[in-house]
Amino acid sequence: MSSKYAKGVDLEAGGPSALYPNMAESPVLRWAFIRKLYFILTLQLALTAAIAAVVVLVKPIPHFFVSSIAGYGLYIFLLILPFIILCPLYAFRERHPINLLLLGLFTVSMSFAVGMTCAFTSGKVILEAAVLTAVVVVSLTLYTFWAARRGHDFNFLGPFLFAAVLVLLVFALIQILFPLGKLSKMIYGGLAALVFSGYIIYDTDNLIKRFTYDQYIWAAVSLYLDVVNLFLSLLTLFSAADS
């Protein structure tokens, strides 16, 4: 007899391995999905850290992109490229191995954008933002799993977070057209950090309960964007405070 039944544990009925009360699906399959997703996310973040480090440490790279019109034009294109790749990535999110190839391209392009942002930021600020991002992500992830286990649901956050992102986009546009100074950047960075912290809870709750097993690529993209945007928000906040 299997050990899980020998110990009197009925996983389908919501035993110790169930992620939330009255879980109808197999907890074993859902845990396998979660492990696969976090493995992919870990690889994405490691690749991002490696590429960003190269961009920061090899000074001719950022210098090339800001020292000429051609380089600056290429820089703008590479910043837009992740959003371009997102369209086919969403369309083929369940088509293996195309989804993995597109995910790799998306991660590399995002990593370059992160590296270029860090290239013009002090090492102290980068370290502070990275450490705080890690602490926030781990804490919110553990909290969401704990809350889900006790029956809490965070699906209601979706519309509020979407509206908050729209506000941030308008705020950023105003800041570009009419720079409002250091205080404005600090407010923007702080608000953005709160919004993407909310998205970490929202998307973690979705991967626990709502993403299907074939949607692991899109689930990884969602969490990856949350983590990267949280890091960039904190980078903006600390950079403004340090200037």
Protein backbone atom coordinates (compact mmCIF):
# COMPACT_ATOMS: atom_id res chain seq x y z
CA MET A 1 0.00 0.00 0.00
CA SER A 2 1.21 3.50 -0.83
CA SER A 3 2.67 5.39 2.14
CA LYS A 4 0.24 8.27 1.69
CA TYR A 5 -2.69 5.92 2.29
CA ALA A 6 -0.88 3.92 4.96
CA LYS A 7 -0.62 7.09 7.01
CA GLY A 8 -4.28 7.84 6.53
CA VAL A 9 -3.68 10.81 4.24
CA ASP A 10 -6.27 11.30 1.51
CA LEU A 11 -4.68 13.88 -0.75
CA GLU A 12 -7.77 14.25 -2.94
CA ALA A 13 -9.84 15.10 0.13
CA GLY A 14 -7.52 17.94 1.07
CA GLY A 15 -4.87 16.30 3.26
CA PRO A 16 -1.63 17.89 4.44
CA SER A 17 -0.35 18.34 0.89
CA ALA A 18 -3.43 20.22 -0.33
CA LEU A 19 -2.72 23.83 -1.19
CA TYR A 20 -6.13 25.22 -0.23
CA PRO A 21 -9.38 23.95 1.36
CA ASN A 22 -11.70 21.80 -0.75
CA MET A 23 -9.05 21.35 -3.43
CA ALA A 24 -10.70 19.34 -6.22
CA GLU A 25 -7.62 18.59 -8.34
CA SER A 26 -4.71 16.36 -7.42
CA PRO A 27 -2.30 18.20 -5.09
CA VAL A 28 0.52 16.03 -6.46
CA LEU A 29 0.00 17.38 -9.98
CA ARG A 30 -0.36 20.96 -8.78
CA TRP A 31 2.83 20.74 -6.71
CA ALA A 32 4.65 19.31 -9.77
CA PHE A 33 3.40 22.27 -11.81
CA ILE A 34 4.59 24.73 -9.13
CA ARG A 35 8.05 23.12 -8.96
CA LYS A 36 8.42 23.29 -12.74
CA LEU A 37 7.33 26.93 -12.77
CA TYR A 38 9.74 28.04 -10.05
CA PHE A 39 12.58 26.13 -11.72
CA ILE A 40 11.96 28.08 -14.94
CA LEU A 41 11.66 31.34 -13.00
CA THR A 42 14.96 30.67 -11.21
CA LEU A 43 16.70 30.10 -14.55
CA GLN A 44 15.21 33.33 -15.91
CA LEU A 45 16.38 35.37 -12.92
CA ALA A 46 19.85 33.78 -13.01
CA LEU A 47 20.16 34.59 -16.73
CA THR A 48 18.97 38.14 -16.09
CA ALA A 49 21.52 38.64 -13.32
CA ALA A 50 24.33 37.27 -15.52
CA ILE A 51 23.51 39.40 -18.58
CA ALA A 52 22.91 42.52 -16.48
CA ALA A 53 26.26 42.00 -14.75
CA VAL A 54 28.04 41.79 -18.12
CA VAL A 55 26.35 44.98 -19.33
CA VAL A 56 27.28 46.82 -16.12
CA LEU A 57 30.86 45.58 -15.86
CA VAL A 58 31.84 45.84 -19.54
CA LYS A 59 31.75 49.63 -19.82
CA PRO A 60 32.03 49.83 -23.66
CA ILE A 61 28.59 48.21 -23.98
CA PRO A 62 26.49 50.98 -22.34
CA HIS A 63 28.87 53.59 -23.77
CA PHE A 64 28.17 52.38 -27.32
CA PHE A 65 24.41 52.67 -26.89
CA VAL A 66 24.47 56.24 -25.57
CA SER A 67 27.36 57.70 -27.55
CA SER A 68 25.87 57.71 -31.06
CA ILE A 69 22.53 58.12 -32.81
CA ALA A 70 22.74 54.60 -34.26
CA GLY A 71 23.53 53.12 -30.86
CA TYR A 72 20.73 55.06 -29.20
CA GLY A 73 18.26 53.92 -31.88
CA LEU A 74 19.32 50.30 -31.33
CA TYR A 75 18.95 50.82 -27.59
CA ILE A 76 15.35 52.02 -28.02
CA PHE A 77 14.59 49.03 -30.25
CA LEU A 78 16.01 46.59 -27.69
CA LEU A 79 13.89 48.22 -24.99
CA ILE A 80 10.76 47.73 -27.10
CA LEU A 81 11.72 44.19 -28.19
CA PRO A 82 10.41 42.41 -25.03
CA PHE A 83 6.93 43.85 -25.62
CA ILE A 84 7.08 42.72 -29.26
CA ILE A 85 8.08 39.18 -28.23
CA LEU A 86 5.25 39.03 -25.68
CA CYS A 87 2.65 38.88 -28.48
CA PRO A 88 3.85 35.63 -30.14
CA LEU A 89 4.84 34.28 -26.71
CA TYR A 90 1.23 34.62 -25.54
CA ALA A 91 -0.08 33.12 -28.78
CA PHE A 92 2.25 30.08 -28.55
CA ARG A 93 2.41 29.83 -24.76
CA GLU A 94 1.25 26.19 -24.84
CA ARG A 95 3.17 25.13 -27.99
CA HIS A 96 6.37 23.26 -27.08
CA PRO A 97 9.23 23.93 -27.94
CA ILE A 98 8.32 27.26 -29.57
CA ASN A 99 7.22 28.63 -26.21
CA LEU A 100 10.62 27.85 -24.65
CA LEU A 101 12.49 29.51 -27.53
CA LEU A 102 10.35 32.65 -27.29
CA LEU A 103 10.70 32.65 -23.52
CA GLY A 104 14.48 32.58 -23.91
CA LEU A 105 14.43 35.51 -26.35
CA PHE A 106 12.09 37.44 -24.07
CA THR A 107 14.28 36.85 -21.03
CA VAL A 108 17.47 37.90 -22.85
CA SER A 109 15.88 41.11 -24.14
CA MET A 110 14.49 41.96 -20.69
CA SER A 111 17.88 41.19 -19.15
CA PHE A 112 19.53 43.69 -21.46
CA ALA A 113 17.01 46.37 -20.47
CA VAL A 114 17.68 45.67 -16.79
CA GLY A 115 21.44 45.78 -17.40
CA MET A 116 21.25 49.13 -19.18
CA THR A 117 19.24 50.57 -16.31
CA CYS A 118 21.78 49.28 -13.78
CA ALA A 119 24.73 50.54 -15.87
CA PHE A 120 23.93 54.12 -14.90
CA THR A 121 23.19 53.36 -11.25
CA SER A 122 25.61 53.09 -8.34
CA GLY A 123 26.56 49.62 -7.09
CA LYS A 124 25.28 50.45 -3.60
CA VAL A 125 21.79 51.24 -4.93
CA ILE A 126 21.75 48.09 -7.10
CA LEU A 127 22.68 45.92 -4.11
CA GLU A 128 20.05 47.54 -1.88
CA ALA A 129 17.34 47.07 -4.52
CA ALA A 130 18.37 43.45 -5.21
CA VAL A 131 18.42 42.45 -1.54
CA LEU A 132 15.09 44.10 -0.78
CA THR A 133 13.53 42.56 -3.89
CA ALA A 134 14.65 39.09 -2.79
CA VAL A 135 13.29 39.61 0.72
CA VAL A 136 9.94 40.93 -0.55
CA VAL A 137 9.49 38.18 -3.15
CA VAL A 138 10.27 35.35 -0.73
CA SER A 139 8.12 36.87 2.03
CA LEU A 140 5.10 37.52 -0.18
CA THR A 141 5.36 34.08 -1.80
CA LEU A 142 5.40 32.33 1.57
CA TYR A 143 2.57 34.53 2.80
CA THR A 144 0.40 33.76 -0.25
CA PHE A 145 0.88 29.99 0.13
CA TRP A 146 0.08 30.31 3.84
CA ALA A 147 -3.02 32.42 3.14
CA ALA A 148 -4.25 30.09 0.38
CA ARG A 149 -3.90 27.13 2.75
CA ARG A 150 -6.28 28.94 5.10
CA GLY A 151 -8.87 29.65 2.44
CA HIS A 152 -7.98 33.23 1.47
CA ASP A 153 -8.43 34.20 -2.15
CA PHE A 154 -6.74 37.15 -3.89
CA ASN A 155 -8.48 37.04 -7.26
CA PHE A 156 -10.33 40.26 -6.37
CA LEU A 157 -7.04 42.17 -6.65
CA GLY A 158 -6.95 41.84 -10.45
CA PRO A 159 -9.05 44.88 -11.46
CA PHE A 160 -7.47 47.13 -8.82
CA LEU A 161 -3.93 46.20 -9.85
CA PHE A 162 -4.73 46.72 -13.53
CA ALA A 163 -6.11 50.18 -12.76
CA ALA A 164 -3.04 50.95 -10.66
CA VAL A 165 -0.74 50.02 -13.57
CA LEU A 166 -2.65 52.40 -15.84
CA VAL A 167 -2.15 55.16 -13.28
CA LEU A 168 1.58 54.37 -13.14
CA LEU A 169 1.82 54.53 -16.94
CA VAL A 170 0.18 57.96 -16.99
CA PHE A 171 2.40 59.08 -14.10
CA ALA A 172 5.51 57.91 -16.00
CA LEU A 173 4.39 59.71 -19.17
CA ILE A 174 3.88 62.94 -17.24
CA GLN A 175 7.28 62.50 -15.62
CA ILE A 176 8.91 62.10 -19.06
CA LEU A 177 7.17 65.12 -20.59
CA PHE A 178 7.25 67.35 -17.51
CA PRO A 179 9.97 66.21 -15.07
CA LEU A 180 8.76 66.87 -11.55
CA GLY A 181 12.02 66.31 -9.71
CA LYS A 182 13.48 63.87 -7.18
CA LEU A 183 10.43 63.70 -4.93
CA SER A 184 8.23 62.72 -7.86
CA LYS A 185 10.60 59.88 -8.76
CA MET A 186 10.58 58.64 -5.19
CA ILE A 187 6.77 58.68 -5.09
CA TYR A 188 6.61 56.85 -8.43
CA GLY A 189 9.14 54.24 -7.32
CA GLY A 190 7.35 53.67 -4.02
CA LEU A 191 3.90 53.35 -5.61
CA ALA A 192 5.22 51.05 -8.34
CA ALA A 193 6.89 48.83 -5.72
CA LEU A 194 3.56 48.49 -3.88
CA VAL A 195 1.67 47.70 -7.08
CA PHE A 196 4.09 44.98 -8.20
CA SER A 197 4.19 43.55 -4.69
CA GLY A 198 0.43 43.19 -5.06
CA TYR A 199 0.95 41.49 -8.41
CA ILE A 200 3.31 38.96 -6.81
CA ILE A 201 0.52 37.97 -4.41
CA TYR A 202 -2.09 37.95 -7.19
CA ASP A 203 -0.04 35.86 -9.65
CA THR A 204 1.18 33.47 -6.96
CA ASP A 205 -2.45 32.89 -5.95
CA ASN A 206 -3.28 32.23 -9.61
CA LEU A 207 -0.52 29.65 -10.03
CA ILE A 208 -1.78 27.89 -6.91
CA LYS A 209 -5.40 27.74 -8.05
CA ARG A 210 -6.05 28.84 -11.64
CA PHE A 211 -3.25 28.33 -14.15
CA THR A 212 -3.65 25.06 -16.04
CA TYR A 213 -0.76 22.62 -16.23
CA ASP A 214 0.02 23.63 -19.84
CA GLN A 215 0.28 27.33 -18.94
CA TYR A 216 3.55 27.06 -17.01
CA ILE A 217 5.36 29.33 -19.49
CA TRP A 218 2.87 32.17 -19.17
CA ALA A 219 2.74 31.74 -15.39
CA ALA A 220 6.55 32.02 -15.29
CA VAL A 221 6.43 35.14 -17.49
CA SER A 222 3.87 36.75 -15.17
CA LEU A 223 5.94 36.17 -12.04
CA TYR A 224 9.19 37.10 -13.80
CA LEU A 225 7.72 40.45 -14.86
CA ASP A 226 6.48 41.04 -11.32
CA VAL A 227 9.94 40.43 -9.85
CA VAL A 228 11.80 42.48 -12.48
CA ASN A 229 9.37 45.40 -12.24
CA LEU A 230 9.58 45.33 -8.44
CA PHE A 231 13.39 45.49 -8.70
CA LEU A 232 13.28 48.37 -11.20
CA SER A 233 10.76 50.23 -9.02
CA LEU A 234 12.99 49.93 -5.98
CA LEU A 235 15.96 50.95 -8.13
CA THR A 236 14.09 54.12 -9.11
CA LEU A 237 13.16 54.83 -5.49
CA PHE A 238 16.66 54.31 -4.08
CA SER A 239 18.35 56.14 -6.97
CA ALA A 240 16.19 59.21 -6.38
CA ALA A 241 16.83 59.05 -2.64
CA ASP A 242 20.58 58.63 -3.18
CA SER A 243 20.92 61.54 -5.62
